[in-house]
């Protein structure tokens, strides 16, 4: 996997927490920063996608389906 370098400033307390975790687990701090950033970006992308879809629903540009409609469409009627 190709990687790029990103430089950032952290509050002292955050850096200390990261250093402590790294020392306790004997894993590089960059592993935790990368994992945390990837999870955060996934969550943020999901949030904005959901917000866009909600806006489309409210504006009438996207249709919603009830559970009953989905069950009927899939042939799962009771």
PDB file of N, CA and C in Angstrom:
ATOM      1  N   UNK A   1       0.838  -1.168   0.000  1.00  0.00           N
ATOM      2  CA  UNK A   1       0.000   0.000   0.000  1.00  0.00           C
ATOM      3  C   UNK A   1       0.889   1.239   0.000  1.00  0.00           C
ATOM      4  N   UNK A   2       0.608   2.121  -0.917  1.00  0.00           N
ATOM      5  CA  UNK A   2       1.331   3.379  -0.981  1.00  0.00           C
ATOM      6  C   UNK A   2       0.823   4.297   0.123  1.00  0.00           C
ATOM      7  N   UNK A   3       1.720   5.048   0.704  1.00  0.00           N
ATOM      8  CA  UNK A   3       1.280   5.949   1.774  1.00  0.00           C
ATOM      9  C   UNK A   3       1.869   7.333   1.562  1.00  0.00           C
ATOM     10  N   UNK A   4       1.219   8.297   2.157  1.00  0.00           N
ATOM     11  CA  UNK A   4       1.647   9.686   2.105  1.00  0.00           C
ATOM     12  C   UNK A   4       1.844  10.177   3.528  1.00  0.00           C
ATOM     13  N   UNK A   5       2.644  11.202   3.662  1.00  0.00           N
ATOM     14  CA  UNK A   5       2.929  11.771   4.972  1.00  0.00           C
ATOM     15  C   UNK A   5       2.011  12.965   5.198  1.00  0.00           C
ATOM     16  N   UNK A   6       1.452  13.032   6.402  1.00  0.00           N
ATOM     17  CA  UNK A   6       0.603  14.151   6.808  1.00  0.00           C
ATOM     18  C   UNK A   6       1.130  14.657   8.139  1.00  0.00           C
ATOM     19  N   UNK A   7       1.356  15.934   8.217  1.00  0.00           N
ATOM     20  CA  UNK A   7       1.848  16.533   9.457  1.00  0.00           C
ATOM     21  C   UNK A   7       0.695  17.266  10.126  1.00  0.00           C
ATOM     22  N   UNK A   8       0.566  17.102  11.442  1.00  0.00           N
ATOM     23  CA  UNK A   8      -0.496  17.802  12.155  1.00  0.00           C
ATOM     24  C   UNK A   8      -0.052  18.146  13.560  1.00  0.00           C
ATOM     25  N   UNK A   9      -0.727  19.121  14.127  1.00  0.00           N
ATOM     26  CA  UNK A   9      -0.443  19.541  15.497  1.00  0.00           C
ATOM     27  C   UNK A   9      -1.523  18.969  16.401  1.00  0.00           C
ATOM     28  N   UNK A  10      -1.092  18.403  17.513  1.00  0.00           N
ATOM     29  CA  UNK A  10      -2.011  17.832  18.491  1.00  0.00           C
ATOM     30  C   UNK A  10      -1.873  18.565  19.813  1.00  0.00           C
ATOM     31  N   UNK A  11      -2.966  18.670  20.548  1.00  0.00           N
ATOM     32  CA  UNK A  11      -2.836  19.202  21.910  1.00  0.00           C
ATOM     33  C   UNK A  11      -1.907  18.290  22.718  1.00  0.00           C
ATOM     34  N   UNK A  12      -1.213  18.875  23.665  1.00  0.00           N
ATOM     35  CA  UNK A  12      -0.239  18.124  24.458  1.00  0.00           C
ATOM     36  C   UNK A  12      -0.873  16.894  25.101  1.00  0.00           C
ATOM     37  N   UNK A  13      -2.062  17.043  25.665  1.00  0.00           N
ATOM     38  CA  UNK A  13      -2.724  15.922  26.347  1.00  0.00           C
ATOM     39  C   UNK A  13      -3.036  14.785  25.371  1.00  0.00           C
ATOM     40  N   UNK A  14      -3.446  15.132  24.169  1.00  0.00           N
ATOM     41  CA  UNK A  14      -3.748  14.103  23.162  1.00  0.00           C
ATOM     42  C   UNK A  14      -2.481  13.369  22.758  1.00  0.00           C
ATOM     43  N   UNK A  15      -1.403  14.115  22.566  1.00  0.00           N
ATOM     44  CA  UNK A  15      -0.122  13.499  22.195  1.00  0.00           C
ATOM     45  C   UNK A  15       0.363  12.578  23.302  1.00  0.00           C
ATOM     46  N   UNK A  16       0.203  12.988  24.543  1.00  0.00           N
ATOM     47  CA  UNK A  16       0.619  12.143  25.669  1.00  0.00           C
ATOM     48  C   UNK A  16      -0.197  10.855  25.717  1.00  0.00           C
ATOM     49  N   UNK A  17      -1.496  10.965  25.500  1.00  0.00           N
ATOM     50  CA  UNK A  17      -2.351   9.768  25.482  1.00  0.00           C
ATOM     51  C   UNK A  17      -1.923   8.825  24.366  1.00  0.00           C
ATOM     52  N   UNK A  18      -1.651   9.382  23.212  1.00  0.00           N
ATOM     53  CA  UNK A  18      -1.221   8.576  22.070  1.00  0.00           C
ATOM     54  C   UNK A  18       0.116   7.905  22.353  1.00  0.00           C
ATOM     55  N   UNK A  19       1.034   8.642  22.921  1.00  0.00           N
ATOM     56  CA  UNK A  19       2.343   8.074  23.264  1.00  0.00           C
ATOM     57  C   UNK A  19       2.214   6.969  24.310  1.00  0.00           C
ATOM     58  N   UNK A  20       1.355   7.172  25.302  1.00  0.00           N
ATOM     59  CA  UNK A  20       1.147   6.148  26.333  1.00  0.00           C
ATOM     60  C   UNK A  20       0.561   4.879  25.733  1.00  0.00           C
ATOM     61  N   UNK A  21      -0.430   5.027  24.879  1.00  0.00           N
ATOM     62  CA  UNK A  21      -1.038   3.868  24.231  1.00  0.00           C
ATOM     63  C   UNK A  21      -0.010   3.129  23.382  1.00  0.00           C
ATOM     64  N   UNK A  22       0.771   3.880  22.659  1.00  0.00           N
ATOM     65  CA  UNK A  22       1.803   3.293  21.815  1.00  0.00           C
ATOM     66  C   UNK A  22       2.823   2.521  22.650  1.00  0.00           C
ATOM     67  N   UNK A  23       3.231   3.085  23.768  1.00  0.00           N
ATOM     68  CA  UNK A  23       4.203   2.419  24.642  1.00  0.00           C
ATOM     69  C   UNK A  23       3.615   1.159  25.267  1.00  0.00           C
ATOM     70  N   UNK A  24       2.355   1.233  25.699  1.00  0.00           N
ATOM     71  CA  UNK A  24       1.709   0.077  26.333  1.00  0.00           C
ATOM     72  C   UNK A  24       1.536  -1.088  25.364  1.00  0.00           C
ATOM     73  N   UNK A  25       1.253  -0.781  24.122  1.00  0.00           N
ATOM     74  CA  UNK A  25       0.953  -1.838  23.146  1.00  0.00           C
ATOM     75  C   UNK A  25       2.136  -2.181  22.252  1.00  0.00           C
ATOM     76  N   UNK A  26       3.180  -1.383  22.361  1.00  0.00           N
ATOM     77  CA  UNK A  26       4.368  -1.565  21.516  1.00  0.00           C
ATOM     78  C   UNK A  26       4.019  -1.510  20.028  1.00  0.00           C
ATOM     79  N   UNK A  27       3.073  -0.658  19.715  1.00  0.00           N
ATOM     80  CA  UNK A  27       2.701  -0.421  18.318  1.00  0.00           C
ATOM     81  C   UNK A  27       2.962   1.049  18.024  1.00  0.00           C
ATOM     82  N   UNK A  28       3.323   1.369  16.798  1.00  0.00           N
ATOM     83  CA  UNK A  28       3.585   2.772  16.463  1.00  0.00           C
ATOM     84  C   UNK A  28       2.334   3.638  16.628  1.00  0.00           C
ATOM     85  N   UNK A  29       2.534   4.848  17.075  1.00  0.00           N
ATOM     86  CA  UNK A  29       1.421   5.781  17.232  1.00  0.00           C
ATOM     87  C   UNK A  29       0.708   5.996  15.903  1.00  0.00           C
ATOM     88  N   UNK A  30       1.442   5.934  14.812  1.00  0.00           N
ATOM     89  CA  UNK A  30       0.838   6.155  13.491  1.00  0.00           C
ATOM     90  C   UNK A  30      -0.255   5.137  13.181  1.00  0.00           C
ATOM     91  N   UNK A  31      -0.146   3.936  13.736  1.00  0.00           N
ATOM     92  CA  UNK A  31      -1.178   2.915  13.527  1.00  0.00           C
ATOM     93  C   UNK A  31      -2.501   3.401  14.103  1.00  0.00           C
ATOM     94  N   UNK A  32      -2.455   3.947  15.305  1.00  0.00           N
ATOM     95  CA  UNK A  32      -3.677   4.408  15.963  1.00  0.00           C
ATOM     96  C   UNK A  32      -4.239   5.660  15.298  1.00  0.00           C
ATOM     97  N   UNK A  33      -3.360   6.543  14.877  1.00  0.00           N
ATOM     98  CA  UNK A  33      -3.814   7.754  14.195  1.00  0.00           C
ATOM     99  C   UNK A  33      -4.493   7.379  12.882  1.00  0.00           C
ATOM    100  N   UNK A  34      -3.887   6.477  12.127  1.00  0.00           N
ATOM    101  CA  UNK A  34      -4.458   6.047  10.844  1.00  0.00           C
ATOM    102  C   UNK A  34      -5.812   5.365  11.054  1.00  0.00           C
ATOM    103  N   UNK A  35      -5.888   4.436  12.030  1.00  0.00           N
ATOM    104  CA  UNK A  35      -7.150   3.736  12.304  1.00  0.00           C
ATOM    105  C   UNK A  35      -8.241   4.714  12.737  1.00  0.00           C
ATOM    106  N   UNK A  36      -7.894   5.631  13.620  1.00  0.00           N
ATOM    107  CA  UNK A  36      -8.880   6.597  14.115  1.00  0.00           C
ATOM    108  C   UNK A  36      -9.368   7.501  12.985  1.00  0.00           C
ATOM    109  N   UNK A  37      -8.458   7.941  12.142  1.00  0.00           N
ATOM    110  CA  UNK A  37      -8.826   8.817  11.036  1.00  0.00           C
ATOM    111  C   UNK A  37      -9.716   8.095  10.032  1.00  0.00           C
ATOM    112  N   UNK A  38      -9.381   6.844   9.718  1.00  0.00           N
ATOM    113  CA  UNK A  38     -10.195   6.074   8.778  1.00  0.00           C
ATOM    114  C   UNK A  38     -11.603   5.850   9.326  1.00  0.00           C
ATOM    115  N   UNK A  39     -11.716   5.505  10.608  1.00  0.00           N
ATOM    116  CA  UNK A  39     -13.041   5.312  11.216  1.00  0.00           C
ATOM    117  C   UNK A  39     -13.830   6.615  11.224  1.00  0.00           C
ATOM    118  N   UNK A  40     -13.163   7.709  11.559  1.00  0.00           N
ATOM    119  CA  UNK A  40     -13.833   9.004  11.597  1.00  0.00           C
ATOM    120  C   UNK A  40     -14.321   9.400  10.209  1.00  0.00           C
ATOM    121  N   UNK A  41     -13.482   9.211   9.203  1.00  0.00           N
ATOM    122  CA  UNK A  41     -13.888   9.553   7.843  1.00  0.00           C
ATOM    123  C   UNK A  41     -15.056   8.690   7.378  1.00  0.00           C
ATOM    124  N   UNK A  42     -15.032   7.396   7.703  1.00  0.00           N
ATOM    125  CA  UNK A  42     -16.161   6.516   7.366  1.00  0.00           C
ATOM    126  C   UNK A  42     -17.451   7.042   7.988  1.00  0.00           C
ATOM    127  N   UNK A  43     -17.388   7.391   9.260  1.00  0.00           N
ATOM    128  CA  UNK A  43     -18.576   7.901   9.953  1.00  0.00           C
ATOM    129  C   UNK A  43     -19.051   9.220   9.355  1.00  0.00           C
ATOM    130  N   UNK A  44     -18.124  10.107   9.059  1.00  0.00           N
ATOM    131  CA  UNK A  44     -18.480  11.409   8.506  1.00  0.00           C
ATOM    132  C   UNK A  44     -19.077  11.271   7.111  1.00  0.00           C
ATOM    133  N   UNK A  45     -18.507  10.393   6.295  1.00  0.00           N
ATOM    134  CA  UNK A  45     -19.067  10.153   4.962  1.00  0.00           C
ATOM    135  C   UNK A  45     -20.473   9.580   5.067  1.00  0.00           C
ATOM    136  N   UNK A  46     -20.692   8.642   5.987  1.00  0.00           N
ATOM    137  CA  UNK A  46     -22.029   8.080   6.205  1.00  0.00           C
ATOM    138  C   UNK A  46     -23.009   9.168   6.631  1.00  0.00           C
ATOM    139  N   UNK A  47     -22.573  10.039   7.517  1.00  0.00           N
ATOM    140  CA  UNK A  47     -23.433  11.117   7.993  1.00  0.00           C
ATOM    141  C   UNK A  47     -23.876  12.010   6.837  1.00  0.00           C
ATOM    142  N   UNK A  48     -22.927  12.450   6.016  1.00  0.00           N
ATOM    143  CA  UNK A  48     -23.275  13.352   4.923  1.00  0.00           C
ATOM    144  C   UNK A  48     -24.127  12.663   3.866  1.00  0.00           C
ATOM    145  N   UNK A  49     -23.886  11.389   3.620  1.00  0.00           N
ATOM    146  CA  UNK A  49     -24.724  10.637   2.693  1.00  0.00           C
ATOM    147  C   UNK A  49     -26.156  10.555   3.227  1.00  0.00           C
ATOM    148  N   UNK A  50     -26.304  10.270   4.514  1.00  0.00           N
ATOM    149  CA  UNK A  50     -27.632  10.198   5.128  1.00  0.00           C
ATOM    150  C   UNK A  50     -28.318  11.563   5.108  1.00  0.00           C
ATOM    151  N   UNK A  51     -27.573  12.620   5.368  1.00  0.00           N
ATOM    152  CA  UNK A  51     -28.149  13.966   5.352  1.00  0.00           C
ATOM    153  C   UNK A  51     -28.638  14.331   3.952  1.00  0.00           C
ATOM    154  N   UNK A  52     -27.865  13.970   2.929  1.00  0.00           N
ATOM    155  CA  UNK A  52     -28.280  14.226   1.547  1.00  0.00           C
ATOM    156  C   UNK A  52     -29.541  13.446   1.204  1.00  0.00           C
ATOM    157  N   UNK A  53     -29.599  12.191   1.631  1.00  0.00           N
ATOM    158  CA  UNK A  53     -30.773  11.366   1.343  1.00  0.00           C
ATOM    159  C   UNK A  53     -31.999  11.900   2.077  1.00  0.00           C
ATOM    160  N   UNK A  54     -31.835  12.327   3.310  1.00  0.00           N
ATOM    161  CA  UNK A  54     -32.949  12.903   4.056  1.00  0.00           C
ATOM    162  C   UNK A  54     -33.471  14.155   3.358  1.00  0.00           C
ATOM    163  N   UNK A  55     -32.570  14.983   2.881  1.00  0.00           N
ATOM    164  CA  UNK A  55     -32.973  16.188   2.150  1.00  0.00           C
ATOM    165  C   UNK A  55     -33.744  15.812   0.885  1.00  0.00           C
ATOM    166  N   UNK A  56     -33.277  14.780   0.180  1.00  0.00           N
ATOM    167  CA  UNK A  56     -33.962  14.331  -1.038  1.00  0.00           C
ATOM    168  C   UNK A  56     -35.353  13.794  -0.715  1.00  0.00           C
ATOM    169  N   UNK A  57     -35.482  13.077   0.381  1.00  0.00           N
ATOM    170  CA  UNK A  57     -36.792  12.549   0.795  1.00  0.00           C
ATOM    171  C   UNK A  57     -37.735  13.696   1.125  1.00  0.00           C
ATOM    172  N   UNK A  58     -37.261  14.646   1.901  1.00  0.00           N
ATOM    173  CA  UNK A  58     -38.098  15.789   2.291  1.00  0.00           C
ATOM    174  C   UNK A  58     -38.506  16.633   1.088  1.00  0.00           C
ATOM    175  N   UNK A  59     -37.632  16.697   0.079  1.00  0.00           N
ATOM    176  CA  UNK A  59     -37.925  17.485  -1.122  1.00  0.00           C
ATOM    177  C   UNK A  59     -38.743  16.693  -2.137  1.00  0.00           C
ATOM    178  N   UNK A  60     -39.005  15.431  -1.841  1.00  0.00           N
ATOM    179  CA  UNK A  60     -39.796  14.609  -2.753  1.00  0.00           C
ATOM    180  C   UNK A  60     -39.007  14.048  -3.923  1.00  0.00           C
ATOM    181  N   UNK A  61     -37.691  14.102  -3.860  1.00  0.00           N
ATOM    182  CA  UNK A  61     -36.846  13.576  -4.940  1.00  0.00           C
ATOM    183  C   UNK A  61     -36.490  12.109  -4.740  1.00  0.00           C
ATOM    184  N   UNK A  62     -36.830  11.557  -3.589  1.00  0.00           N
ATOM    185  CA  UNK A  62     -36.514  10.170  -3.278  1.00  0.00           C
ATOM    186  C   UNK A  62     -37.728   9.540  -2.619  1.00  0.00           C
ATOM    187  N   UNK A  63     -38.047   8.323  -3.017  1.00  0.00           N
ATOM    188  CA  UNK A  63     -39.229   7.636  -2.496  1.00  0.00           C
ATOM    189  C   UNK A  63     -38.838   6.756  -1.319  1.00  0.00           C
ATOM    190  N   UNK A  64     -39.738   6.655  -0.369  1.00  0.00           N
ATOM    191  CA  UNK A  64     -39.545   5.749   0.757  1.00  0.00           C
ATOM    192  C   UNK A  64     -40.565   4.624   0.656  1.00  0.00           C
ATOM    193  N   UNK A  65     -40.263   3.527   1.317  1.00  0.00           N
ATOM    194  CA  UNK A  65     -41.137   2.358   1.290  1.00  0.00           C
ATOM    195  C   UNK A  65     -41.386   1.889   2.714  1.00  0.00           C
ATOM    196  N   UNK A  66     -42.624   1.518   2.984  1.00  0.00           N
ATOM    197  CA  UNK A  66     -42.953   0.981   4.302  1.00  0.00           C
ATOM    198  C   UNK A  66     -42.461  -0.459   4.385  1.00  0.00           C
ATOM    199  N   UNK A  67     -42.392  -0.974   5.605  1.00  0.00           N
ATOM    200  CA  UNK A  67     -41.992  -2.365   5.793  1.00  0.00           C
ATOM    201  C   UNK A  67     -42.962  -3.291   5.069  1.00  0.00           C
ATOM    202  N   UNK A  68     -44.245  -2.967   5.132  1.00  0.00           N
ATOM    203  CA  UNK A  68     -45.249  -3.778   4.443  1.00  0.00           C
ATOM    204  C   UNK A  68     -45.023  -3.823   2.941  1.00  0.00           C
ATOM    205  N   UNK A  69     -44.664  -2.685   2.352  1.00  0.00           N
ATOM    206  CA  UNK A  69     -44.394  -2.639   0.910  1.00  0.00           C
ATOM    207  C   UNK A  69     -43.175  -3.488   0.554  1.00  0.00           C
ATOM    208  N   UNK A  70     -42.151  -3.419   1.360  1.00  0.00           N
ATOM    209  CA  UNK A  70     -40.938  -4.199   1.100  1.00  0.00           C
ATOM    210  C   UNK A  70     -41.235  -5.685   1.225  1.00  0.00           C
ATOM    211  N   UNK A  71     -41.953  -6.071   2.273  1.00  0.00           N
ATOM    212  CA  UNK A  71     -42.312  -7.486   2.454  1.00  0.00           C
ATOM    213  C   UNK A  71     -43.135  -7.991   1.275  1.00  0.00           C
ATOM    214  N   UNK A  72     -44.106  -7.198   0.845  1.00  0.00           N
ATOM    215  CA  UNK A  72     -44.952  -7.601  -0.282  1.00  0.00           C
ATOM    216  C   UNK A  72     -44.123  -7.735  -1.551  1.00  0.00           C
ATOM    217  N   UNK A  73     -43.231  -6.798  -1.788  1.00  0.00           N
ATOM    218  CA  UNK A  73     -42.393  -6.833  -2.984  1.00  0.00           C
ATOM    219  C   UNK A  73     -41.486  -8.059  -2.996  1.00  0.00           C
ATOM    220  N   UNK A  74     -41.051  -8.491  -1.820  1.00  0.00           N
ATOM    221  CA  UNK A  74     -40.167  -9.656  -1.711  1.00  0.00           C
ATOM    222  C   UNK A  74     -40.942 -10.962  -1.536  1.00  0.00           C
ATOM    223  N   UNK A  75     -42.256 -10.867  -1.519  1.00  0.00           N
ATOM    224  CA  UNK A  75     -43.072 -12.066  -1.350  1.00  0.00           C
ATOM    225  C   UNK A  75     -43.019 -12.622   0.054  1.00  0.00           C
ATOM    226  N   UNK A  76     -42.844 -11.763   1.026  1.00  0.00           N
ATOM    227  CA  UNK A  76     -42.735 -12.200   2.419  1.00  0.00           C
ATOM    228  C   UNK A  76     -43.982 -11.854   3.218  1.00  0.00           C
ATOM    229  N   UNK A  77     -45.105 -11.720   2.550  1.00  0.00           N
ATOM    230  CA  UNK A  77     -46.351 -11.395   3.243  1.00  0.00           C
ATOM    231  C   UNK A  77     -46.668 -12.454   4.278  1.00  0.00           C
ATOM    232  N   UNK A  78     -47.222 -12.012   5.382  1.00  0.00           N
ATOM    233  CA  UNK A  78     -47.598 -12.949   6.457  1.00  0.00           C
ATOM    234  C   UNK A  78     -48.736 -13.827   6.042  1.00  0.00           C
TER     235      UNK A  78
END
